Amino acid sequence: MKNVYDLIRNPLLTEKGSIQQADHNKYFFKVDVRANKKEIKEAVEKIYNVKVTKVHTMNIMGKFKRVRYQPGRTSDWKKAIVTLKPGDVIDFT
């Protein structure tokens, strides 16, 4: 991966994520499926100017859907849960 902005697709702003953010200083991101933990850590530190202590990743399999009686499938994607050093904050607003 060359560009950090290609690695981190977008932040996941969910109810569960906001609770984790407030209580445990954890942030959720949608990342490239080929990214590893070291690349994700470096990208988040460079983009948001924070110190990352832990990175957890998980692959989310796409779901089967139907649109007008045509079967299909949504894309597979990767989720990263990034824990920041105490005192560091990412402001998405």
PDB file of N, CA and C in Angstrom:
ATOM      1  N   MET A   1       0.840  -1.179   0.000  1.00  0.00           N
ATOM      2  CA  MET A   1       0.000   0.000   0.000  1.00  0.00           C
ATOM      3  C   MET A   1       0.885   1.242   0.000  1.00  0.00           C
ATOM      4  N   LYS A   2       0.661   2.099  -0.942  1.00  0.00           N
ATOM      5  CA  LYS A   2       1.459   3.314  -1.043  1.00  0.00           C
ATOM      6  C   LYS A   2       0.808   4.491  -0.336  1.00  0.00           C
ATOM      7  N   ASN A   3      -0.467   4.731  -0.590  1.00  0.00           N
ATOM      8  CA  ASN A   3      -1.142   5.921  -0.095  1.00  0.00           C
ATOM      9  C   ASN A   3      -1.965   5.584   1.150  1.00  0.00           C
ATOM     10  N   VAL A   4      -1.772   6.332   2.230  1.00  0.00           N
ATOM     11  CA  VAL A   4      -2.494   6.059   3.474  1.00  0.00           C
ATOM     12  C   VAL A   4      -3.993   6.338   3.320  1.00  0.00           C
ATOM     13  N   TYR A   5      -4.362   7.238   2.417  1.00  0.00           N
ATOM     14  CA  TYR A   5      -5.770   7.564   2.216  1.00  0.00           C
ATOM     15  C   TYR A   5      -6.501   6.469   1.440  1.00  0.00           C
ATOM     16  N   ASP A   6      -5.780   5.614   0.723  1.00  0.00           N
ATOM     17  CA  ASP A   6      -6.387   4.450   0.091  1.00  0.00           C
ATOM     18  C   ASP A   6      -6.571   3.321   1.096  1.00  0.00           C
ATOM     19  N   LEU A   7      -5.743   3.314   2.133  1.00  0.00           N
ATOM     20  CA  LEU A   7      -5.776   2.271   3.151  1.00  0.00           C
ATOM     21  C   LEU A   7      -6.980   2.432   4.078  1.00  0.00           C
ATOM     22  N   ILE A   8      -7.183   3.626   4.605  1.00  0.00           N
ATOM     23  CA  ILE A   8      -8.299   3.925   5.500  1.00  0.00           C
ATOM     24  C   ILE A   8      -9.443   4.447   4.640  1.00  0.00           C
ATOM     25  N   ARG A   9     -10.495   3.634   4.484  1.00  0.00           N
ATOM     26  CA  ARG A   9     -11.602   4.038   3.608  1.00  0.00           C
ATOM     27  C   ARG A   9     -12.462   5.120   4.264  1.00  0.00           C
ATOM     28  N   ASN A  10     -13.012   4.818   5.447  1.00  0.00           N
ATOM     29  CA  ASN A  10     -13.817   5.805   6.169  1.00  0.00           C
ATOM     30  C   ASN A  10     -14.028   5.324   7.602  1.00  0.00           C
ATOM     31  N   PRO A  11     -14.321   6.249   8.517  1.00  0.00           N
ATOM     32  CA  PRO A  11     -14.626   5.843   9.884  1.00  0.00           C
ATOM     33  C   PRO A  11     -16.035   5.259   9.956  1.00  0.00           C
ATOM     34  N   LEU A  12     -16.224   4.297  10.840  1.00  0.00           N
ATOM     35  CA  LEU A  12     -17.548   3.698  11.051  1.00  0.00           C
ATOM     36  C   LEU A  12     -18.167   4.379  12.265  1.00  0.00           C
ATOM     37  N   LEU A  13     -19.178   5.169  12.031  1.00  0.00           N
ATOM     38  CA  LEU A  13     -19.838   5.906  13.102  1.00  0.00           C
ATOM     39  C   LEU A  13     -21.143   5.191  13.445  1.00  0.00           C
ATOM     40  N   THR A  14     -21.074   4.308  14.432  1.00  0.00           N
ATOM     41  CA  THR A  14     -22.230   3.538  14.860  1.00  0.00           C
ATOM     42  C   THR A  14     -22.462   3.781  16.350  1.00  0.00           C
ATOM     43  N   GLU A  15     -23.583   3.290  16.839  1.00  0.00           N
ATOM     44  CA  GLU A  15     -23.891   3.443  18.261  1.00  0.00           C
ATOM     45  C   GLU A  15     -22.889   2.676  19.114  1.00  0.00           C
ATOM     46  N   LYS A  16     -22.573   1.457  18.715  1.00  0.00           N
ATOM     47  CA  LYS A  16     -21.604   0.659  19.447  1.00  0.00           C
ATOM     48  C   LYS A  16     -20.223   1.319  19.410  1.00  0.00           C
ATOM     49  N   GLY A  17     -19.866   1.875  18.261  1.00  0.00           N
ATOM     50  CA  GLY A  17     -18.580   2.536  18.127  1.00  0.00           C
ATOM     51  C   GLY A  17     -18.468   3.775  18.984  1.00  0.00           C
ATOM     52  N   SER A  18     -19.550   4.532  19.095  1.00  0.00           N
ATOM     53  CA  SER A  18     -19.500   5.744  19.918  1.00  0.00           C
ATOM     54  C   SER A  18     -19.408   5.408  21.404  1.00  0.00           C
ATOM     55  N   ILE A  19     -20.006   4.302  21.821  1.00  0.00           N
ATOM     56  CA  ILE A  19     -19.875   3.865  23.215  1.00  0.00           C
ATOM     57  C   ILE A  19     -18.435   3.438  23.499  1.00  0.00           C
ATOM     58  N   GLN A  20     -17.829   2.659  22.581  1.00  0.00           N
ATOM     59  CA  GLN A  20     -16.439   2.238  22.739  1.00  0.00           C
ATOM     60  C   GLN A  20     -15.497   3.440  22.723  1.00  0.00           C
ATOM     61  N   GLN A  21     -15.828   4.425  21.888  1.00  0.00           N
ATOM     62  CA  GLN A  21     -15.011   5.631  21.788  1.00  0.00           C
ATOM     63  C   GLN A  21     -15.017   6.400  23.101  1.00  0.00           C
ATOM     64  N   ALA A  22     -16.175   6.532  23.722  1.00  0.00           N
ATOM     65  CA  ALA A  22     -16.289   7.283  24.964  1.00  0.00           C
ATOM     66  C   ALA A  22     -15.677   6.534  26.150  1.00  0.00           C
ATOM     67  N   ASP A  23     -15.915   5.224  26.233  1.00  0.00           N
ATOM     68  CA  ASP A  23     -15.486   4.454  27.392  1.00  0.00           C
ATOM     69  C   ASP A  23     -14.037   3.962  27.316  1.00  0.00           C
ATOM     70  N   HIS A  24     -13.611   3.493  26.123  1.00  0.00           N
ATOM     71  CA  HIS A  24     -12.324   2.806  26.023  1.00  0.00           C
ATOM     72  C   HIS A  24     -11.346   3.450  25.044  1.00  0.00           C
ATOM     73  N   ASN A  25     -11.699   4.603  24.457  1.00  0.00           N
ATOM     74  CA  ASN A  25     -10.839   5.318  23.509  1.00  0.00           C
ATOM     75  C   ASN A  25     -10.518   4.449  22.285  1.00  0.00           C
ATOM     76  N   LYS A  26     -11.544   3.727  21.778  1.00  0.00           N
ATOM     77  CA  LYS A  26     -11.408   2.874  20.598  1.00  0.00           C
ATOM     78  C   LYS A  26     -12.199   3.490  19.452  1.00  0.00           C
ATOM     79  N   TYR A  27     -11.635   3.414  18.249  1.00  0.00           N
ATOM     80  CA  TYR A  27     -12.262   3.973  17.060  1.00  0.00           C
ATOM     81  C   TYR A  27     -12.366   2.888  15.992  1.00  0.00           C
ATOM     82  N   PHE A  28     -13.476   2.886  15.244  1.00  0.00           N
ATOM     83  CA  PHE A  28     -13.742   1.877  14.229  1.00  0.00           C
ATOM     84  C   PHE A  28     -13.537   2.489  12.849  1.00  0.00           C
ATOM     85  N   PHE A  29     -12.875   1.740  11.963  1.00  0.00           N
ATOM     86  CA  PHE A  29     -12.623   2.193  10.602  1.00  0.00           C
ATOM     87  C   PHE A  29     -12.922   1.077   9.615  1.00  0.00           C
ATOM     88  N   LYS A  30     -13.363   1.460   8.432  1.00  0.00           N
ATOM     89  CA  LYS A  30     -13.473   0.544   7.303  1.00  0.00           C
ATOM     90  C   LYS A  30     -12.175   0.695   6.523  1.00  0.00           C
ATOM     91  N   VAL A  31     -11.432  -0.406   6.347  1.00  0.00           N
ATOM     92  CA  VAL A  31     -10.108  -0.342   5.727  1.00  0.00           C
ATOM     93  C   VAL A  31     -10.043  -1.257   4.513  1.00  0.00           C
ATOM     94  N   ASP A  32      -8.973  -1.130   3.758  1.00  0.00           N
ATOM     95  CA  ASP A  32      -8.747  -1.970   2.591  1.00  0.00           C
ATOM     96  C   ASP A  32      -8.554  -3.421   3.034  1.00  0.00           C
ATOM     97  N   VAL A  33      -9.083  -4.368   2.276  1.00  0.00           N
ATOM     98  CA  VAL A  33      -9.022  -5.772   2.678  1.00  0.00           C
ATOM     99  C   VAL A  33      -7.602  -6.330   2.651  1.00  0.00           C
ATOM    100  N   ARG A  34      -6.704  -5.699   1.929  1.00  0.00           N
ATOM    101  CA  ARG A  34      -5.321  -6.179   1.844  1.00  0.00           C
ATOM    102  C   ARG A  34      -4.421  -5.568   2.912  1.00  0.00           C
ATOM    103  N   ALA A  35      -4.944  -4.667   3.732  1.00  0.00           N
ATOM    104  CA  ALA A  35      -4.136  -3.965   4.736  1.00  0.00           C
ATOM    105  C   ALA A  35      -3.859  -4.861   5.938  1.00  0.00           C
ATOM    106  N   ASN A  36      -2.655  -4.728   6.501  1.00  0.00           N
ATOM    107  CA  ASN A  36      -2.346  -5.458   7.726  1.00  0.00           C
ATOM    108  C   ASN A  36      -2.328  -4.476   8.900  1.00  0.00           C
ATOM    109  N   LYS A  37      -2.130  -4.993  10.115  1.00  0.00           N
ATOM    110  CA  LYS A  37      -2.232  -4.169  11.316  1.00  0.00           C
ATOM    111  C   LYS A  37      -1.166  -3.080  11.370  1.00  0.00           C
ATOM    112  N   LYS A  38       0.029  -3.392  10.942  1.00  0.00           N
ATOM    113  CA  LYS A  38       1.111  -2.412  10.975  1.00  0.00           C
ATOM    114  C   LYS A  38       0.814  -1.251  10.030  1.00  0.00           C
ATOM    115  N   GLU A  39       0.326  -1.540   8.834  1.00  0.00           N
ATOM    116  CA  GLU A  39      -0.012  -0.488   7.871  1.00  0.00           C
ATOM    117  C   GLU A  39      -1.169   0.373   8.377  1.00  0.00           C
ATOM    118  N   ILE A  40      -2.160  -0.255   9.002  1.00  0.00           N
ATOM    119  CA  ILE A  40      -3.305   0.482   9.542  1.00  0.00           C
ATOM    120  C   ILE A  40      -2.839   1.420  10.657  1.00  0.00           C
ATOM    121  N   LYS A  41      -1.982   0.928  11.533  1.00  0.00           N
ATOM    122  CA  LYS A  41      -1.463   1.750  12.626  1.00  0.00           C
ATOM    123  C   LYS A  41      -0.725   2.973  12.090  1.00  0.00           C
ATOM    124  N   GLU A  42       0.167   2.777  11.131  1.00  0.00           N
ATOM    125  CA  GLU A  42       0.932   3.881  10.563  1.00  0.00           C
ATOM    126  C   GLU A  42       0.022   4.885   9.851  1.00  0.00           C
ATOM    127  N   ALA A  43      -1.003   4.391   9.156  1.00  0.00           N
ATOM    128  CA  ALA A  43      -1.914   5.269   8.421  1.00  0.00           C
ATOM    129  C   ALA A  43      -2.736   6.138   9.368  1.00  0.00           C
ATOM    130  N   VAL A  44      -3.274   5.542  10.435  1.00  0.00           N
ATOM    131  CA  VAL A  44      -4.079   6.307  11.394  1.00  0.00           C
ATOM    132  C   VAL A  44      -3.212   7.344  12.102  1.00  0.00           C
ATOM    133  N   GLU A  45      -1.995   6.968  12.475  1.00  0.00           N
ATOM    134  CA  GLU A  45      -1.093   7.920  13.137  1.00  0.00           C
ATOM    135  C   GLU A  45      -0.741   9.082  12.208  1.00  0.00           C
ATOM    136  N   LYS A  46      -0.545   8.811  10.935  1.00  0.00           N
ATOM    137  CA  LYS A  46      -0.177   9.862   9.993  1.00  0.00           C
ATOM    138  C   LYS A  46      -1.364  10.773   9.660  1.00  0.00           C
ATOM    139  N   ILE A  47      -2.543  10.197   9.455  1.00  0.00           N
ATOM    140  CA  ILE A  47      -3.709  10.995   9.059  1.00  0.00           C
ATOM    141  C   ILE A  47      -4.215  11.852  10.213  1.00  0.00           C
ATOM    142  N   TYR A  48      -4.354  11.265  11.408  1.00  0.00           N
ATOM    143  CA  TYR A  48      -5.003  11.956  12.523  1.00  0.00           C
ATOM    144  C   TYR A  48      -4.038  12.517  13.566  1.00  0.00           C
ATOM    145  N   ASN A  49      -2.738  12.310  13.421  1.00  0.00           N
ATOM    146  CA  ASN A  49      -1.723  12.818  14.359  1.00  0.00           C
ATOM    147  C   ASN A  49      -1.995  12.376  15.789  1.00  0.00           C
ATOM    148  N   VAL A  50      -2.159  11.070  15.974  1.00  0.00           N
ATOM    149  CA  VAL A  50      -2.385  10.481  17.293  1.00  0.00           C
ATOM    150  C   VAL A  50      -1.421   9.309  17.465  1.00  0.00           C
ATOM    151  N   LYS A  51      -1.349   8.765  18.680  1.00  0.00           N
ATOM    152  CA  LYS A  51      -0.519   7.605  18.970  1.00  0.00           C
ATOM    153  C   LYS A  51      -1.415   6.386  19.157  1.00  0.00           C
ATOM    154  N   VAL A  52      -1.219   5.349  18.349  1.00  0.00           N
ATOM    155  CA  VAL A  52      -2.020   4.121  18.394  1.00  0.00           C
ATOM    156  C   VAL A  52      -1.309   3.094  19.255  1.00  0.00           C
ATOM    157  N   THR A  53      -2.061   2.464  20.184  1.00  0.00           N
ATOM    158  CA  THR A  53      -1.467   1.429  21.027  1.00  0.00           C
ATOM    159  C   THR A  53      -1.816   0.021  20.551  1.00  0.00           C
ATOM    160  N   LYS A  54      -3.060  -0.189  20.065  1.00  0.00           N
ATOM    161  CA  LYS A  54      -3.481  -1.520  19.607  1.00  0.00           C
ATOM    162  C   LYS A  54      -4.315  -1.399  18.344  1.00  0.00           C
ATOM    163  N   VAL A  55      -4.280  -2.455  17.525  1.00  0.00           N
ATOM    164  CA  VAL A  55      -5.131  -2.544  16.339  1.00  0.00           C
ATOM    165  C   VAL A  55      -5.704  -3.958  16.280  1.00  0.00           C
ATOM    166  N   HIS A  56      -7.028  -4.047  16.206  1.00  0.00           N
ATOM    167  CA  HIS A  56      -7.708  -5.325  16.002  1.00  0.00           C
ATOM    168  C   HIS A  56      -8.407  -5.261  14.649  1.00  0.00           C
ATOM    169  N   THR A  57      -8.324  -6.348  13.881  1.00  0.00           N
ATOM    170  CA  THR A  57      -8.960  -6.369  12.565  1.00  0.00           C
ATOM    171  C   THR A  57      -9.885  -7.564  12.457  1.00  0.00           C
ATOM    172  N   MET A  58     -10.874  -7.428  11.586  1.00  0.00           N
ATOM    173  CA  MET A  58     -11.772  -8.554  11.295  1.00  0.00           C
ATOM    174  C   MET A  58     -12.288  -8.424   9.877  1.00  0.00           C
ATOM    175  N   ASN A  59     -12.424  -9.553   9.211  1.00  0.00           N
ATOM    176  CA  ASN A  59     -12.973  -9.581   7.865  1.00  0.00           C
ATOM    177  C   ASN A  59     -14.472  -9.812   7.959  1.00  0.00           C
ATOM    178  N   ILE A  60     -15.234  -8.945   7.301  1.00  0.00           N
ATOM    179  CA  ILE A  60     -16.683  -9.037   7.296  1.00  0.00           C
ATOM    180  C   ILE A  60     -17.100  -9.592   5.935  1.00  0.00           C
ATOM    181  N   MET A  61     -17.766 -10.726   5.946  1.00  0.00           N
ATOM    182  CA  MET A  61     -18.225 -11.331   4.699  1.00  0.00           C
ATOM    183  C   MET A  61     -19.491 -10.641   4.215  1.00  0.00           C
ATOM    184  N   GLY A  62     -19.600 -10.498   2.909  1.00  0.00           N
ATOM    185  CA  GLY A  62     -20.769  -9.872   2.312  1.00  0.00           C
ATOM    186  C   GLY A  62     -22.015 -10.714   2.499  1.00  0.00           C
ATOM    187  N   LYS A  63     -23.162 -10.043   2.530  1.00  0.00           N
ATOM    188  CA  LYS A  63     -24.434 -10.736   2.723  1.00  0.00           C
ATOM    189  C   LYS A  63     -25.109 -10.989   1.379  1.00  0.00           C
ATOM    190  N   PHE A  64     -25.927 -12.023   1.336  1.00  0.00           N
ATOM    191  CA  PHE A  64     -26.710 -12.303   0.142  1.00  0.00           C
ATOM    192  C   PHE A  64     -27.960 -11.435   0.160  1.00  0.00           C
ATOM    193  N   LYS A  65     -28.217 -10.746  -0.935  1.00  0.00           N
ATOM    194  CA  LYS A  65     -29.356  -9.843  -1.057  1.00  0.00           C
ATOM    195  C   LYS A  65     -30.096 -10.155  -2.350  1.00  0.00           C
ATOM    196  N   ARG A  66     -31.341  -9.676  -2.408  1.00  0.00           N
ATOM    197  CA  ARG A  66     -32.119  -9.778  -3.643  1.00  0.00           C
ATOM    198  C   ARG A  66     -32.601  -8.390  -4.014  1.00  0.00           C
ATOM    199  N   VAL A  67     -32.452  -8.037  -5.291  1.00  0.00           N
ATOM    200  CA  VAL A  67     -32.969  -6.780  -5.800  1.00  0.00           C
ATOM    201  C   VAL A  67     -33.840  -7.117  -7.004  1.00  0.00           C
ATOM    202  N   ARG A  68     -35.139  -6.870  -6.887  1.00  0.00           N
ATOM    203  CA  ARG A  68     -36.107  -7.173  -7.951  1.00  0.00           C
ATOM    204  C   ARG A  68     -35.988  -8.618  -8.429  1.00  0.00           C
ATOM    205  N   TYR A  69     -35.988  -9.515  -7.492  1.00  0.00           N
ATOM    206  CA  TYR A  69     -35.956 -10.959  -7.744  1.00  0.00           C
ATOM    207  C   TYR A  69     -34.626 -11.458  -8.293  1.00  0.00           C
ATOM    208  N   GLN A  70     -33.627 -10.611  -8.388  1.00  0.00           N
ATOM    209  CA  GLN A  70     -32.308 -11.029  -8.849  1.00  0.00           C
ATOM    210  C   GLN A  70     -31.410 -11.246  -7.634  1.00  0.00           C
ATOM    211  N   PRO A  71     -30.879 -12.456  -7.464  1.00  0.00           N
ATOM    212  CA  PRO A  71     -29.991 -12.684  -6.326  1.00  0.00           C
ATOM    213  C   PRO A  71     -28.656 -11.979  -6.534  1.00  0.00           C
ATOM    214  N   GLY A  72     -28.082 -11.511  -5.447  1.00  0.00           N
ATOM    215  CA  GLY A  72     -26.790 -10.838  -5.507  1.00  0.00           C
ATOM    216  C   GLY A  72     -26.102 -10.924  -4.169  1.00  0.00           C
ATOM    217  N   ARG A  73     -24.977 -10.281  -4.069  1.00  0.00           N
ATOM    218  CA  ARG A  73     -24.189 -10.346  -2.855  1.00  0.00           C
ATOM    219  C   ARG A  73     -23.483  -9.012  -2.660  1.00  0.00           C
ATOM    220  N   THR A  74     -23.453  -8.519  -1.414  1.00  0.00           N
ATOM    221  CA  THR A  74     -22.715  -7.295  -1.119  1.00  0.00           C
ATOM    222  C   THR A  74     -21.226  -7.627  -1.002  1.00  0.00           C
ATOM    223  N   SER A  75     -20.394  -6.637  -1.060  1.00  0.00           N
ATOM    224  CA  SER A  75     -18.949  -6.829  -1.057  1.00  0.00           C
ATOM    225  C   SER A  75     -18.433  -7.243   0.321  1.00  0.00           C
ATOM    226  N   ASP A  76     -17.357  -8.019   0.321  1.00  0.00           N
ATOM    227  CA  ASP A  76     -16.624  -8.308   1.549  1.00  0.00           C
ATOM    228  C   ASP A  76     -15.815  -7.066   1.910  1.00  0.00           C
ATOM    229  N   TRP A  77     -15.615  -6.840   3.232  1.00  0.00           N
ATOM    230  CA  TRP A  77     -14.839  -5.697   3.661  1.00  0.00           C
ATOM    231  C   TRP A  77     -14.127  -6.000   4.961  1.00  0.00           C
ATOM    232  N   LYS A  78     -13.235  -5.114   5.361  1.00  0.00           N
ATOM    233  CA  LYS A  78     -12.441  -5.322   6.568  1.00  0.00           C
ATOM    234  C   LYS A  78     -12.686  -4.181   7.547  1.00  0.00           C
ATOM    235  N   LYS A  79     -12.867  -4.545   8.813  1.00  0.00           N
ATOM    236  CA  LYS A  79     -13.072  -3.574   9.879  1.00  0.00           C
ATOM    237  C   LYS A  79     -11.838  -3.557  10.772  1.00  0.00           C
ATOM    238  N   ALA A  80     -11.427  -2.357  11.182  1.00  0.00           N
ATOM    239  CA  ALA A  80     -10.307  -2.207  12.105  1.00  0.00           C
ATOM    240  C   ALA A  80     -10.775  -1.443  13.334  1.00  0.00           C
ATOM    241  N   ILE A  81     -10.441  -1.972  14.507  1.00  0.00           N
ATOM    242  CA  ILE A  81     -10.714  -1.293  15.773  1.00  0.00           C
ATOM    243  C   ILE A  81      -9.371  -0.818  16.308  1.00  0.00           C
ATOM    244  N   VAL A  82      -9.221   0.498  16.400  1.00  0.00           N
ATOM    245  CA  VAL A  82      -7.952   1.118  16.768  1.00  0.00           C
ATOM    246  C   VAL A  82      -8.073   1.705  18.162  1.00  0.00           C
ATOM    247  N   THR A  83      -7.168   1.307  19.061  1.00  0.00           N
ATOM    248  CA  THR A  83      -7.122   1.854  20.411  1.00  0.00           C
ATOM    249  C   THR A  83      -6.032   2.910  20.464  1.00  0.00           C
ATOM    250  N   LEU A  84      -6.387   4.089  20.987  1.00  0.00           N
ATOM    251  CA  LEU A  84      -5.444   5.202  21.070  1.00  0.00           C
ATOM    252  C   LEU A  84      -4.862   5.323  22.461  1.00  0.00           C
ATOM    253  N   LYS A  85      -3.722   6.013  22.536  1.00  0.00           N
ATOM    254  CA  LYS A  85      -3.078   6.302  23.815  1.00  0.00           C
ATOM    255  C   LYS A  85      -4.012   7.178  24.647  1.00  0.00           C
ATOM    256  N   PRO A  86      -4.081   6.996  25.975  1.00  0.00           N
ATOM    257  CA  PRO A  86      -4.938   7.840  26.788  1.00  0.00           C
ATOM    258  C   PRO A  86      -4.600   9.318  26.604  1.00  0.00           C
ATOM    259  N   GLY A  87      -5.644  10.118  26.380  1.00  0.00           N
ATOM    260  CA  GLY A  87      -5.449  11.543  26.155  1.00  0.00           C
ATOM    261  C   GLY A  87      -5.576  11.947  24.693  1.00  0.00           C
ATOM    262  N   ASP A  88      -5.340  11.005  23.773  1.00  0.00           N
ATOM    263  CA  ASP A  88      -5.494  11.296  22.342  1.00  0.00           C
ATOM    264  C   ASP A  88      -6.957  11.150  21.940  1.00  0.00           C
ATOM    265  N   VAL A  89      -7.405  12.038  21.048  1.00  0.00           N
ATOM    266  CA  VAL A  89      -8.798  12.046  20.600  1.00  0.00           C
ATOM    267  C   VAL A  89      -8.832  12.320  19.112  1.00  0.00           C
ATOM    268  N   ILE A  90      -9.721  11.638  18.397  1.00  0.00           N
ATOM    269  CA  ILE A  90      -9.978  11.928  16.989  1.00  0.00           C
ATOM    270  C   ILE A  90     -11.350  12.589  16.921  1.00  0.00           C
ATOM    271  N   ASP A  91     -11.408  13.769  16.305  1.00  0.00           N
ATOM    272  CA  ASP A  91     -12.672  14.496  16.162  1.00  0.00           C
ATOM    273  C   ASP A  91     -13.153  14.373  14.731  1.00  0.00           C
ATOM    274  N   PHE A  92     -14.286  13.680  14.522  1.00  0.00           N
ATOM    275  CA  PHE A  92     -14.811  13.449  13.179  1.00  0.00           C
ATOM    276  C   PHE A  92     -15.753  14.555  12.716  1.00  0.00           C
ATOM    277  N   THR A  93     -16.106  15.500  13.584  1.00  0.00           N
ATOM    278  CA  THR A  93     -17.045  16.539  13.183  1.00  0.00           C
ATOM    279  C   THR A  93     -16.376  17.670  12.444  1.00  0.00           C
TER     280      THR A  93
END
